N, C-alpha and C. Protein backbone atom coordinates (compact mmCIF):
# COMPACT_ATOMS: atom_id res chain seq x y z
N UNK A 1 -16.59 3.74 -5.63
CA UNK A 1 -16.46 5.09 -5.15
C UNK A 1 -17.78 5.57 -4.55
N UNK A 2 -17.66 6.58 -3.67
CA UNK A 2 -18.85 7.18 -3.07
C UNK A 2 -19.26 8.37 -3.92
N UNK A 3 -20.51 8.42 -4.29
CA UNK A 3 -20.98 9.48 -5.17
C UNK A 3 -20.98 10.82 -4.44
N UNK A 4 -21.11 11.89 -5.19
CA UNK A 4 -21.34 13.21 -4.60
C UNK A 4 -22.73 13.21 -3.96
N UNK A 5 -23.03 14.28 -3.23
CA UNK A 5 -24.32 14.35 -2.53
C UNK A 5 -25.42 14.83 -3.48
N UNK A 6 -26.50 14.07 -3.56
CA UNK A 6 -27.69 14.46 -4.32
C UNK A 6 -28.62 15.18 -3.35
N UNK A 7 -28.94 16.43 -3.65
CA UNK A 7 -29.71 17.27 -2.73
C UNK A 7 -31.16 17.42 -3.16
N UNK A 8 -32.05 17.61 -2.17
CA UNK A 8 -33.47 17.79 -2.48
C UNK A 8 -33.77 19.15 -3.07
N UNK A 9 -32.73 19.96 -3.29
CA UNK A 9 -32.94 21.21 -4.04
C UNK A 9 -33.29 20.91 -5.50
N UNK A 10 -32.93 19.70 -5.94
CA UNK A 10 -33.34 19.21 -7.26
C UNK A 10 -34.71 18.55 -7.11
N UNK A 11 -35.71 18.98 -7.84
CA UNK A 11 -37.07 18.42 -7.69
C UNK A 11 -37.11 16.90 -7.87
N UNK A 12 -36.28 16.37 -8.76
CA UNK A 12 -36.27 14.92 -8.98
C UNK A 12 -35.76 14.20 -7.74
N UNK A 13 -34.68 14.74 -7.14
CA UNK A 13 -34.14 14.14 -5.92
C UNK A 13 -35.14 14.29 -4.78
N UNK A 14 -35.78 15.46 -4.69
CA UNK A 14 -36.77 15.69 -3.64
C UNK A 14 -37.90 14.66 -3.71
N UNK A 15 -38.30 14.30 -4.92
CA UNK A 15 -39.36 13.31 -5.09
C UNK A 15 -38.90 11.94 -4.61
N UNK A 16 -37.64 11.60 -4.91
CA UNK A 16 -37.10 10.30 -4.50
C UNK A 16 -36.99 10.22 -2.97
N UNK A 17 -36.62 11.34 -2.36
CA UNK A 17 -36.40 11.36 -0.91
C UNK A 17 -37.67 11.66 -0.11
N UNK A 18 -38.78 11.88 -0.79
CA UNK A 18 -40.01 12.26 -0.10
C UNK A 18 -40.43 11.28 1.00
N UNK A 19 -40.28 9.96 0.82
CA UNK A 19 -40.67 9.04 1.90
C UNK A 19 -39.86 9.24 3.19
N UNK A 20 -38.71 9.89 3.08
CA UNK A 20 -37.85 10.09 4.24
C UNK A 20 -37.87 11.54 4.75
N UNK A 21 -38.80 12.32 4.22
CA UNK A 21 -38.88 13.74 4.53
C UNK A 21 -39.08 13.99 6.03
N UNK A 22 -39.94 13.19 6.68
CA UNK A 22 -40.22 13.39 8.10
C UNK A 22 -39.01 13.09 8.97
N UNK A 23 -38.07 12.32 8.45
CA UNK A 23 -36.85 12.01 9.20
C UNK A 23 -35.77 13.06 9.00
N UNK A 24 -36.06 14.07 8.20
CA UNK A 24 -35.12 15.16 7.98
C UNK A 24 -34.05 14.86 6.94
N UNK A 25 -34.29 13.85 6.10
CA UNK A 25 -33.31 13.50 5.07
C UNK A 25 -33.45 14.46 3.90
N UNK A 26 -32.36 15.18 3.60
CA UNK A 26 -32.39 16.15 2.50
C UNK A 26 -31.33 15.90 1.46
N UNK A 27 -30.46 14.94 1.72
CA UNK A 27 -29.39 14.60 0.78
C UNK A 27 -29.18 13.09 0.78
N UNK A 28 -28.57 12.58 -0.29
CA UNK A 28 -28.29 11.15 -0.38
C UNK A 28 -27.01 10.93 -1.16
N UNK A 29 -26.28 9.91 -0.76
CA UNK A 29 -25.10 9.44 -1.48
C UNK A 29 -25.20 7.93 -1.63
N UNK A 30 -24.47 7.40 -2.58
CA UNK A 30 -24.47 5.94 -2.75
C UNK A 30 -23.15 5.51 -3.37
N UNK A 31 -22.85 4.25 -3.20
CA UNK A 31 -21.63 3.70 -3.79
C UNK A 31 -21.93 3.26 -5.23
N UNK A 32 -20.98 3.51 -6.12
CA UNK A 32 -21.18 3.17 -7.52
C UNK A 32 -19.85 2.79 -8.16
N UNK A 33 -19.91 1.81 -9.02
CA UNK A 33 -18.73 1.40 -9.79
C UNK A 33 -18.72 2.24 -11.07
N UNK A 34 -18.41 3.55 -10.90
CA UNK A 34 -18.65 4.49 -11.99
C UNK A 34 -17.41 5.18 -12.53
N UNK A 35 -16.23 4.89 -12.00
CA UNK A 35 -15.03 5.56 -12.50
C UNK A 35 -13.94 4.55 -12.83
N UNK A 36 -13.15 4.90 -13.83
CA UNK A 36 -11.97 4.11 -14.18
C UNK A 36 -10.75 4.83 -13.62
N UNK A 37 -9.92 4.11 -12.87
CA UNK A 37 -8.72 4.71 -12.30
C UNK A 37 -7.48 3.94 -12.73
N UNK A 38 -6.36 4.63 -12.65
CA UNK A 38 -5.08 4.01 -12.97
C UNK A 38 -4.09 4.38 -11.87
N UNK A 39 -3.42 3.38 -11.31
CA UNK A 39 -2.45 3.61 -10.24
C UNK A 39 -1.08 3.10 -10.65
N UNK A 40 -0.09 3.97 -10.58
CA UNK A 40 1.29 3.60 -10.83
C UNK A 40 2.10 3.83 -9.55
N UNK A 41 3.06 2.97 -9.30
CA UNK A 41 3.85 3.18 -8.10
C UNK A 41 4.91 2.12 -7.91
N UNK A 42 5.60 2.25 -6.79
CA UNK A 42 6.65 1.29 -6.47
C UNK A 42 6.70 1.11 -4.95
N UNK A 43 6.90 -0.13 -4.51
CA UNK A 43 7.05 -0.46 -3.10
C UNK A 43 8.40 -1.12 -2.90
N UNK A 44 9.11 -0.70 -1.86
CA UNK A 44 10.43 -1.27 -1.56
C UNK A 44 10.50 -1.62 -0.08
N UNK A 45 11.00 -2.81 0.23
CA UNK A 45 11.19 -3.24 1.62
C UNK A 45 12.57 -3.87 1.75
N UNK A 46 13.30 -3.48 2.78
CA UNK A 46 14.63 -4.05 3.02
C UNK A 46 14.78 -4.37 4.50
N UNK A 47 15.36 -5.54 4.79
CA UNK A 47 15.56 -5.98 6.18
C UNK A 47 17.02 -6.40 6.36
N UNK A 48 17.60 -5.97 7.48
CA UNK A 48 19.01 -6.30 7.76
C UNK A 48 19.12 -6.80 9.20
N UNK A 49 19.80 -7.95 9.36
CA UNK A 49 20.02 -8.53 10.69
C UNK A 49 21.52 -8.51 10.99
N UNK A 50 21.86 -8.22 12.23
CA UNK A 50 23.28 -8.21 12.62
C UNK A 50 23.40 -8.50 14.11
N UNK A 51 24.55 -9.10 14.48
CA UNK A 51 24.87 -9.30 15.89
C UNK A 51 25.57 -8.06 16.40
N UNK A 52 25.07 -7.52 17.50
CA UNK A 52 25.64 -6.31 18.08
C UNK A 52 25.87 -6.57 19.56
N UNK A 53 27.14 -6.67 19.94
CA UNK A 53 27.44 -7.04 21.32
C UNK A 53 26.92 -8.44 21.58
N UNK A 54 26.18 -8.61 22.64
CA UNK A 54 25.60 -9.91 22.96
C UNK A 54 24.15 -10.02 22.48
N UNK A 55 23.69 -9.03 21.76
CA UNK A 55 22.30 -9.04 21.31
C UNK A 55 22.17 -9.09 19.80
N UNK A 56 20.96 -8.98 19.35
CA UNK A 56 20.62 -9.08 17.94
C UNK A 56 19.91 -7.81 17.49
N UNK A 57 20.41 -7.20 16.41
CA UNK A 57 19.84 -5.97 15.88
C UNK A 57 19.14 -6.26 14.55
N UNK A 58 17.94 -5.75 14.42
CA UNK A 58 17.19 -5.88 13.17
C UNK A 58 16.79 -4.50 12.68
N UNK A 59 17.18 -4.18 11.47
CA UNK A 59 16.82 -2.90 10.85
C UNK A 59 15.87 -3.18 9.69
N UNK A 60 14.80 -2.41 9.62
CA UNK A 60 13.82 -2.59 8.55
C UNK A 60 13.48 -1.24 7.94
N UNK A 61 13.55 -1.17 6.64
CA UNK A 61 13.18 0.05 5.93
C UNK A 61 12.18 -0.26 4.84
N UNK A 62 11.20 0.59 4.67
CA UNK A 62 10.20 0.38 3.62
C UNK A 62 9.74 1.74 3.09
N UNK A 63 9.29 1.73 1.88
CA UNK A 63 8.79 2.97 1.29
C UNK A 63 7.92 2.68 0.08
N UNK A 64 7.01 3.57 -0.20
CA UNK A 64 6.20 3.42 -1.40
C UNK A 64 5.89 4.79 -2.00
N UNK A 65 5.83 4.80 -3.29
CA UNK A 65 5.45 5.99 -4.06
C UNK A 65 4.36 5.56 -5.03
N UNK A 66 3.19 6.17 -4.90
CA UNK A 66 2.07 5.79 -5.76
C UNK A 66 1.35 7.04 -6.27
N UNK A 67 0.73 6.90 -7.41
CA UNK A 67 -0.07 7.98 -7.97
C UNK A 67 -1.31 7.37 -8.62
N UNK A 68 -2.46 7.81 -8.14
CA UNK A 68 -3.73 7.34 -8.69
C UNK A 68 -4.38 8.47 -9.48
N UNK A 69 -4.86 8.16 -10.66
CA UNK A 69 -5.53 9.14 -11.51
C UNK A 69 -6.86 8.59 -11.99
N UNK A 70 -7.87 9.45 -11.99
CA UNK A 70 -9.16 9.08 -12.54
C UNK A 70 -9.11 9.32 -14.03
N UNK A 71 -9.33 8.29 -14.81
CA UNK A 71 -9.23 8.40 -16.26
C UNK A 71 -10.57 8.63 -16.93
N UNK A 72 -11.64 8.15 -16.32
CA UNK A 72 -12.95 8.31 -16.95
C UNK A 72 -14.05 8.17 -15.91
N UNK A 73 -15.14 8.89 -16.13
CA UNK A 73 -16.34 8.75 -15.32
C UNK A 73 -17.43 8.15 -16.19
N UNK A 74 -17.97 7.03 -15.74
CA UNK A 74 -18.95 6.30 -16.54
C UNK A 74 -20.34 6.51 -15.95
N UNK A 75 -21.20 7.18 -16.70
CA UNK A 75 -22.55 7.48 -16.23
C UNK A 75 -23.54 6.49 -16.85
N UNK A 76 -24.24 5.72 -16.04
CA UNK A 76 -25.26 4.83 -16.59
C UNK A 76 -26.32 5.63 -17.35
N UNK A 77 -26.75 5.11 -18.45
CA UNK A 77 -27.72 5.83 -19.28
C UNK A 77 -29.00 6.14 -18.52
N UNK A 78 -29.43 5.18 -17.67
CA UNK A 78 -30.65 5.40 -16.90
C UNK A 78 -30.52 6.57 -15.95
N UNK A 79 -29.34 6.75 -15.35
CA UNK A 79 -29.11 7.87 -14.44
C UNK A 79 -29.13 9.18 -15.20
N UNK A 80 -28.48 9.19 -16.36
CA UNK A 80 -28.44 10.41 -17.18
C UNK A 80 -29.85 10.80 -17.64
N UNK A 81 -30.63 9.81 -18.03
CA UNK A 81 -31.99 10.09 -18.47
C UNK A 81 -32.85 10.64 -17.33
N UNK A 82 -32.61 10.11 -16.14
CA UNK A 82 -33.41 10.51 -14.97
C UNK A 82 -33.09 11.93 -14.52
N UNK A 83 -31.78 12.27 -14.48
CA UNK A 83 -31.39 13.53 -13.87
C UNK A 83 -31.01 14.62 -14.87
N UNK A 84 -30.71 14.25 -16.10
CA UNK A 84 -30.25 15.30 -17.03
C UNK A 84 -30.81 15.13 -18.43
N UNK A 85 -31.90 14.45 -18.55
CA UNK A 85 -32.53 14.32 -19.86
C UNK A 85 -31.65 13.65 -20.89
N UNK A 86 -30.78 12.73 -20.44
CA UNK A 86 -29.91 12.01 -21.36
C UNK A 86 -28.57 12.66 -21.61
N UNK A 87 -28.32 13.83 -21.01
CA UNK A 87 -27.04 14.53 -21.19
C UNK A 87 -26.02 13.95 -20.21
N UNK A 88 -25.13 13.09 -20.71
CA UNK A 88 -24.15 12.42 -19.85
C UNK A 88 -23.22 13.41 -19.16
N UNK A 89 -22.76 14.40 -19.89
CA UNK A 89 -21.80 15.36 -19.32
C UNK A 89 -22.44 16.19 -18.21
N UNK A 90 -23.71 16.51 -18.36
CA UNK A 90 -24.38 17.37 -17.38
C UNK A 90 -24.50 16.70 -16.02
N UNK A 91 -24.60 15.37 -16.00
CA UNK A 91 -24.80 14.69 -14.73
C UNK A 91 -23.48 14.25 -14.07
N UNK A 92 -22.36 14.37 -14.79
CA UNK A 92 -21.08 13.92 -14.25
C UNK A 92 -20.71 14.63 -12.95
N UNK A 93 -20.88 15.95 -12.91
CA UNK A 93 -20.51 16.70 -11.72
C UNK A 93 -21.42 16.42 -10.54
N UNK A 94 -22.62 15.93 -10.82
CA UNK A 94 -23.52 15.56 -9.73
C UNK A 94 -23.13 14.21 -9.16
N UNK A 95 -22.81 13.27 -10.03
CA UNK A 95 -22.45 11.93 -9.58
C UNK A 95 -21.05 11.88 -9.00
N UNK A 96 -20.12 12.61 -9.62
CA UNK A 96 -18.72 12.51 -9.22
C UNK A 96 -18.07 13.87 -9.39
N UNK A 97 -18.14 14.69 -8.34
CA UNK A 97 -17.64 16.06 -8.47
C UNK A 97 -16.15 16.17 -8.13
N UNK A 98 -15.66 17.38 -8.07
CA UNK A 98 -14.23 17.63 -7.85
C UNK A 98 -13.75 17.10 -6.50
N UNK A 99 -14.58 17.24 -5.49
CA UNK A 99 -14.19 16.77 -4.15
C UNK A 99 -14.10 15.26 -4.08
N UNK A 100 -15.01 14.55 -4.72
CA UNK A 100 -14.96 13.09 -4.73
C UNK A 100 -13.76 12.60 -5.54
N UNK A 101 -13.41 13.31 -6.59
CA UNK A 101 -12.21 12.96 -7.35
C UNK A 101 -10.98 13.13 -6.47
N UNK A 102 -10.98 14.17 -5.66
CA UNK A 102 -9.88 14.43 -4.73
C UNK A 102 -9.67 13.26 -3.77
N UNK A 103 -10.75 12.62 -3.33
CA UNK A 103 -10.65 11.48 -2.41
C UNK A 103 -9.78 10.37 -3.00
N UNK A 104 -9.90 10.18 -4.30
CA UNK A 104 -9.16 9.10 -4.96
C UNK A 104 -7.74 9.50 -5.34
N UNK A 105 -7.54 10.77 -5.70
CA UNK A 105 -6.25 11.18 -6.27
C UNK A 105 -5.29 11.82 -5.28
N UNK A 106 -5.78 12.64 -4.36
CA UNK A 106 -4.88 13.45 -3.54
C UNK A 106 -5.15 13.40 -2.04
N UNK A 107 -6.14 12.63 -1.59
CA UNK A 107 -6.53 12.66 -0.18
C UNK A 107 -5.66 11.77 0.70
N UNK A 108 -4.86 10.91 0.10
CA UNK A 108 -3.92 10.06 0.83
C UNK A 108 -2.51 10.38 0.37
N UNK A 109 -1.51 10.22 1.25
CA UNK A 109 -0.13 10.53 0.84
C UNK A 109 0.32 9.68 -0.34
N UNK A 110 0.90 10.32 -1.32
CA UNK A 110 1.47 9.58 -2.45
C UNK A 110 2.82 8.96 -2.08
N UNK A 111 3.46 9.55 -1.07
CA UNK A 111 4.76 9.05 -0.63
C UNK A 111 4.69 8.70 0.86
N UNK A 112 5.19 7.53 1.21
CA UNK A 112 5.23 7.11 2.61
C UNK A 112 6.46 6.24 2.81
N UNK A 113 7.15 6.43 3.94
CA UNK A 113 8.36 5.66 4.22
C UNK A 113 8.43 5.36 5.71
N UNK A 114 9.05 4.25 6.04
CA UNK A 114 9.19 3.87 7.44
C UNK A 114 10.56 3.23 7.66
N UNK A 115 11.16 3.56 8.80
CA UNK A 115 12.43 2.94 9.19
C UNK A 115 12.32 2.53 10.65
N UNK A 116 12.65 1.27 10.95
CA UNK A 116 12.56 0.79 12.32
C UNK A 116 13.83 0.03 12.71
N UNK A 117 14.12 0.06 14.00
CA UNK A 117 15.26 -0.67 14.55
C UNK A 117 14.78 -1.40 15.80
N UNK A 118 15.12 -2.70 15.89
CA UNK A 118 14.78 -3.50 17.07
C UNK A 118 16.03 -4.19 17.58
N UNK A 119 16.21 -4.12 18.89
CA UNK A 119 17.38 -4.75 19.51
C UNK A 119 16.90 -5.71 20.59
N UNK A 120 17.33 -6.97 20.48
CA UNK A 120 16.98 -8.00 21.45
C UNK A 120 18.24 -8.43 22.20
N UNK A 121 18.14 -8.39 23.52
CA UNK A 121 19.26 -8.81 24.38
C UNK A 121 18.68 -9.60 25.54
N UNK A 122 18.80 -10.92 25.44
CA UNK A 122 18.24 -11.76 26.49
C UNK A 122 16.73 -11.54 26.61
N UNK A 123 16.30 -11.15 27.80
CA UNK A 123 14.88 -10.94 28.05
C UNK A 123 14.40 -9.53 27.68
N UNK A 124 15.31 -8.71 27.26
CA UNK A 124 14.98 -7.32 26.95
C UNK A 124 14.89 -7.10 25.45
N UNK A 125 13.87 -6.35 25.04
CA UNK A 125 13.70 -6.00 23.63
C UNK A 125 13.30 -4.53 23.55
N UNK A 126 13.96 -3.78 22.69
CA UNK A 126 13.64 -2.36 22.51
C UNK A 126 13.52 -2.06 21.02
N UNK A 127 12.59 -1.17 20.69
CA UNK A 127 12.41 -0.82 19.28
C UNK A 127 12.03 0.64 19.13
N UNK A 128 12.34 1.18 17.96
CA UNK A 128 11.96 2.54 17.60
C UNK A 128 11.61 2.55 16.12
N UNK A 129 10.60 3.33 15.78
CA UNK A 129 10.17 3.40 14.37
C UNK A 129 9.82 4.82 14.00
N UNK A 130 10.32 5.27 12.87
CA UNK A 130 9.98 6.59 12.33
C UNK A 130 9.19 6.37 11.04
N UNK A 131 8.06 7.05 10.91
CA UNK A 131 7.22 6.90 9.73
C UNK A 131 6.98 8.27 9.11
N UNK A 132 7.29 8.37 7.84
CA UNK A 132 7.14 9.62 7.09
C UNK A 132 5.87 9.56 6.24
N UNK A 133 5.04 10.59 6.34
CA UNK A 133 3.83 10.71 5.54
C UNK A 133 3.96 11.93 4.63
N UNK A 134 3.87 11.72 3.34
CA UNK A 134 3.99 12.82 2.40
C UNK A 134 2.81 13.77 2.46
N UNK A 135 2.93 14.90 1.79
CA UNK A 135 1.88 15.91 1.80
C UNK A 135 0.62 15.41 1.09
N UNK A 136 -0.50 15.97 1.48
CA UNK A 136 -1.77 15.67 0.83
C UNK A 136 -2.47 16.98 0.50
N UNK A 137 -3.50 16.90 -0.32
CA UNK A 137 -4.22 18.10 -0.74
C UNK A 137 -5.72 17.91 -0.55
N UNK A 138 -6.37 19.00 -0.18
CA UNK A 138 -7.83 19.03 -0.10
C UNK A 138 -8.34 19.92 -1.21
N UNK A 139 -9.20 19.36 -2.06
CA UNK A 139 -9.74 20.09 -3.21
C UNK A 139 -11.26 19.98 -3.20
N UNK A 140 -11.95 20.92 -2.55
CA UNK A 140 -13.41 20.88 -2.54
C UNK A 140 -13.97 21.34 -3.88
N UNK A 141 -15.27 21.43 -3.95
CA UNK A 141 -15.89 21.82 -5.21
C UNK A 141 -15.50 23.24 -5.62
N UNK A 142 -15.24 24.10 -4.65
CA UNK A 142 -14.81 25.48 -4.93
C UNK A 142 -13.28 25.56 -4.82
N UNK A 143 -12.56 25.78 -5.92
CA UNK A 143 -11.09 25.82 -5.88
C UNK A 143 -10.53 26.91 -4.96
N UNK A 144 -11.33 27.92 -4.61
CA UNK A 144 -10.85 28.97 -3.72
C UNK A 144 -10.51 28.43 -2.33
N UNK A 145 -11.04 27.27 -2.00
CA UNK A 145 -10.83 26.70 -0.67
C UNK A 145 -9.83 25.54 -0.67
N UNK A 146 -9.08 25.40 -1.75
CA UNK A 146 -8.03 24.36 -1.80
C UNK A 146 -7.01 24.58 -0.70
N UNK A 147 -6.51 23.48 -0.13
CA UNK A 147 -5.45 23.56 0.88
C UNK A 147 -4.49 22.39 0.71
N UNK A 148 -3.24 22.63 1.10
CA UNK A 148 -2.21 21.59 1.08
C UNK A 148 -1.69 21.39 2.49
N UNK A 149 -1.59 20.13 2.92
CA UNK A 149 -1.11 19.80 4.25
C UNK A 149 0.29 19.18 4.13
N UNK A 150 1.23 19.77 4.84
CA UNK A 150 2.65 19.41 4.66
C UNK A 150 2.99 18.02 5.19
N UNK A 151 4.12 17.50 4.73
CA UNK A 151 4.60 16.18 5.15
C UNK A 151 4.95 16.19 6.64
N UNK A 152 4.77 15.03 7.28
CA UNK A 152 5.06 14.89 8.71
C UNK A 152 5.77 13.56 8.95
N UNK A 153 6.52 13.50 10.07
CA UNK A 153 7.17 12.27 10.49
C UNK A 153 6.76 11.95 11.92
N UNK A 154 6.30 10.72 12.15
CA UNK A 154 5.87 10.27 13.48
C UNK A 154 6.88 9.27 14.03
N UNK A 155 7.07 9.29 15.35
CA UNK A 155 8.04 8.41 16.00
C UNK A 155 7.34 7.54 17.04
N UNK A 156 7.55 6.23 16.96
CA UNK A 156 7.00 5.26 17.92
C UNK A 156 8.16 4.55 18.64
N UNK A 157 7.99 4.26 19.92
CA UNK A 157 9.02 3.54 20.69
C UNK A 157 8.35 2.47 21.54
N UNK A 158 9.13 1.42 21.87
CA UNK A 158 8.60 0.32 22.67
C UNK A 158 9.75 -0.36 23.42
N UNK A 159 9.50 -0.72 24.68
CA UNK A 159 10.49 -1.43 25.50
C UNK A 159 9.78 -2.58 26.18
N UNK A 160 10.31 -3.80 26.00
CA UNK A 160 9.69 -5.01 26.56
C UNK A 160 10.66 -5.79 27.41
N UNK A 161 10.10 -6.48 28.42
CA UNK A 161 10.92 -7.32 29.31
C UNK A 161 10.14 -8.58 29.63
N UNK A 162 10.77 -9.74 29.42
CA UNK A 162 10.15 -11.03 29.72
C UNK A 162 10.35 -11.34 31.20
N UNK A 163 9.29 -11.17 31.99
CA UNK A 163 9.39 -11.39 33.42
C UNK A 163 9.61 -12.87 33.73
N UNK A 164 8.78 -13.70 33.15
CA UNK A 164 8.86 -15.15 33.25
C UNK A 164 8.68 -15.73 31.86
N UNK A 165 8.93 -17.00 31.70
CA UNK A 165 8.75 -17.62 30.39
C UNK A 165 7.27 -17.52 29.99
N UNK A 166 7.01 -16.85 28.91
CA UNK A 166 5.64 -16.68 28.42
C UNK A 166 4.91 -15.49 29.00
N UNK A 167 5.57 -14.73 29.87
CA UNK A 167 4.95 -13.55 30.47
C UNK A 167 5.85 -12.34 30.23
N UNK A 168 5.30 -11.34 29.57
CA UNK A 168 6.10 -10.16 29.23
C UNK A 168 5.43 -8.87 29.66
N UNK A 169 6.25 -7.90 29.95
CA UNK A 169 5.78 -6.57 30.32
C UNK A 169 6.39 -5.58 29.34
N UNK A 170 5.57 -4.66 28.83
CA UNK A 170 6.10 -3.69 27.88
C UNK A 170 5.46 -2.33 28.10
N UNK A 171 6.21 -1.30 27.78
CA UNK A 171 5.72 0.08 27.79
C UNK A 171 6.13 0.71 26.46
N UNK A 172 5.33 1.64 26.01
CA UNK A 172 5.66 2.25 24.72
C UNK A 172 4.82 3.47 24.44
N UNK A 173 5.06 4.03 23.29
CA UNK A 173 4.31 5.22 22.88
C UNK A 173 4.23 5.26 21.36
N UNK A 174 3.05 5.55 20.85
CA UNK A 174 2.87 5.84 19.44
C UNK A 174 2.79 7.35 19.27
N UNK A 175 3.50 7.85 18.28
CA UNK A 175 3.55 9.30 18.05
C UNK A 175 4.03 10.01 19.31
N UNK A 176 5.18 9.58 19.81
CA UNK A 176 5.69 10.08 21.09
C UNK A 176 5.95 11.58 21.08
N UNK A 177 6.18 12.18 19.92
CA UNK A 177 6.43 13.62 19.84
C UNK A 177 5.14 14.43 19.73
N UNK A 178 3.99 13.73 19.79
CA UNK A 178 2.68 14.39 19.78
C UNK A 178 2.49 15.27 18.54
N UNK A 179 2.76 14.67 17.39
CA UNK A 179 2.65 15.38 16.12
C UNK A 179 1.22 15.34 15.59
N UNK A 180 0.74 16.47 15.08
CA UNK A 180 -0.60 16.57 14.52
C UNK A 180 -0.52 16.97 13.05
N UNK A 181 -1.56 16.65 12.28
CA UNK A 181 -1.61 17.17 10.91
C UNK A 181 -1.73 18.69 10.94
N UNK A 182 -1.44 19.34 9.82
CA UNK A 182 -1.66 20.78 9.72
C UNK A 182 -3.14 21.10 9.91
N UNK A 183 -3.41 22.23 10.53
CA UNK A 183 -4.79 22.68 10.68
C UNK A 183 -5.27 23.34 9.38
N UNK A 184 -6.60 23.35 9.22
CA UNK A 184 -7.18 24.14 8.14
C UNK A 184 -6.81 25.61 8.36
N UNK A 185 -6.48 26.30 7.29
CA UNK A 185 -6.16 27.72 7.37
C UNK A 185 -7.31 28.60 6.89
N UNK A 186 -8.25 28.02 6.17
CA UNK A 186 -9.35 28.79 5.61
C UNK A 186 -10.61 28.58 6.45
N UNK A 187 -11.23 29.68 6.85
CA UNK A 187 -12.36 29.63 7.77
C UNK A 187 -13.50 28.76 7.25
N UNK A 188 -13.74 28.81 5.96
CA UNK A 188 -14.85 28.02 5.39
C UNK A 188 -14.64 26.53 5.61
N UNK A 189 -13.38 26.09 5.58
CA UNK A 189 -13.08 24.68 5.79
C UNK A 189 -13.15 24.28 7.26
N UNK A 190 -12.97 25.25 8.14
CA UNK A 190 -13.02 24.97 9.59
C UNK A 190 -14.46 24.83 10.09
N UNK A 191 -15.41 25.31 9.29
CA UNK A 191 -16.84 25.14 9.57
C UNK A 191 -17.19 25.54 11.00
N UNK A 192 -16.92 26.83 11.32
CA UNK A 192 -17.25 27.34 12.65
C UNK A 192 -16.46 26.66 13.75
N UNK A 193 -15.20 26.29 13.45
CA UNK A 193 -14.28 25.64 14.39
C UNK A 193 -14.70 24.22 14.76
N UNK A 194 -15.62 23.63 14.02
CA UNK A 194 -15.99 22.24 14.26
C UNK A 194 -14.97 21.27 13.69
N UNK A 195 -14.29 21.70 12.63
CA UNK A 195 -13.33 20.82 11.96
C UNK A 195 -12.01 21.55 11.79
N UNK A 196 -11.24 21.61 12.87
CA UNK A 196 -9.92 22.25 12.80
C UNK A 196 -9.01 21.46 11.86
N UNK A 197 -9.11 20.14 11.99
CA UNK A 197 -8.36 19.25 11.09
C UNK A 197 -9.33 18.70 10.04
N UNK A 198 -8.82 18.45 8.86
CA UNK A 198 -9.69 18.04 7.76
C UNK A 198 -10.40 16.73 8.05
N UNK A 199 -11.67 16.67 7.73
CA UNK A 199 -12.44 15.44 7.82
C UNK A 199 -12.61 14.81 6.45
N UNK A 200 -12.09 15.47 5.43
CA UNK A 200 -12.28 15.01 4.06
C UNK A 200 -11.07 14.25 3.51
N UNK A 201 -9.89 14.55 4.03
CA UNK A 201 -8.67 13.89 3.56
C UNK A 201 -7.96 13.28 4.77
N UNK A 202 -7.16 12.24 4.54
CA UNK A 202 -6.56 11.50 5.65
C UNK A 202 -5.07 11.31 5.43
N UNK A 203 -4.29 12.00 6.23
CA UNK A 203 -2.83 11.83 6.19
C UNK A 203 -2.39 10.81 7.24
N UNK A 204 -2.82 11.05 8.47
CA UNK A 204 -2.68 10.11 9.59
C UNK A 204 -3.65 10.57 10.67
N UNK A 205 -3.70 9.87 11.79
CA UNK A 205 -4.66 10.19 12.84
C UNK A 205 -4.45 11.57 13.44
N UNK A 206 -5.50 12.09 14.08
CA UNK A 206 -5.43 13.42 14.68
C UNK A 206 -5.61 13.37 16.20
N UNK A 207 -5.23 12.23 16.81
CA UNK A 207 -5.39 12.07 18.25
C UNK A 207 -4.11 12.35 19.03
N UNK A 208 -3.04 12.68 18.35
CA UNK A 208 -1.80 13.00 19.06
C UNK A 208 -1.13 11.76 19.63
N UNK A 209 -0.33 11.96 20.68
CA UNK A 209 0.45 10.87 21.28
C UNK A 209 -0.44 9.87 22.00
N UNK A 210 -0.01 8.61 21.99
CA UNK A 210 -0.71 7.54 22.71
C UNK A 210 0.33 6.73 23.45
N UNK A 211 0.21 6.70 24.78
CA UNK A 211 1.16 5.98 25.62
C UNK A 211 0.48 4.73 26.17
N UNK A 212 1.25 3.65 26.29
CA UNK A 212 0.62 2.40 26.70
C UNK A 212 1.55 1.54 27.55
N UNK A 213 0.94 0.69 28.34
CA UNK A 213 1.64 -0.35 29.09
C UNK A 213 0.88 -1.65 28.92
N UNK A 214 1.58 -2.75 28.71
CA UNK A 214 0.91 -4.01 28.41
C UNK A 214 1.57 -5.17 29.17
N UNK A 215 0.73 -6.12 29.53
CA UNK A 215 1.21 -7.40 30.05
C UNK A 215 0.80 -8.45 29.03
N UNK A 216 1.76 -9.24 28.57
CA UNK A 216 1.49 -10.22 27.53
C UNK A 216 1.71 -11.64 28.05
N UNK A 217 0.78 -12.52 27.67
CA UNK A 217 0.88 -13.93 28.05
C UNK A 217 0.94 -14.77 26.80
N UNK A 218 1.88 -15.70 26.74
CA UNK A 218 1.99 -16.62 25.61
C UNK A 218 1.75 -18.04 26.14
N UNK A 219 0.73 -18.70 25.59
CA UNK A 219 0.38 -20.03 26.04
C UNK A 219 0.95 -21.09 25.11
């Protein structure tokens, strides 16, 4: 896990960061194997093939439900002695605060599902896929700024044609309906309109629709 930010407002941290003072470094984070987590969940995948007219239809469905919980925060004795005079509890919020806990427990969808259909007819192939992303939550250090981002469904489509043996042409679109995550509703989280969409939690991309055309060669 990534630790919380250690700031030079603490004299001990300021002393550690002093060699980097001229570079403007005032905070530091580091990776640490410091928490015990438990994840429960289920994954399901189903595939169905059928002949439809003169072509072949393939249906694929998948889904997962998972829940991750932080069960314990383990503070090395040396860290506790350095920053809190040996008080393990006092240093826990510095090493692993509420926002960092959120990254592990609620920053990714607990529920996700996908359904796709592909139809092949001679040289032509067409597919469509719908992907459902469950809601996520943002929980910063101050609970007053908590936010919940609602579930969304994205739609992708693709159409391919084999021009010659081993040469194919395809056009398609990811997120064809141009769906975006919910925007931050609280001004403090928008940070002067620099972060309309959350940079702390990840439901799916925030680039909107992507359209493409491809030429494929198989050797």
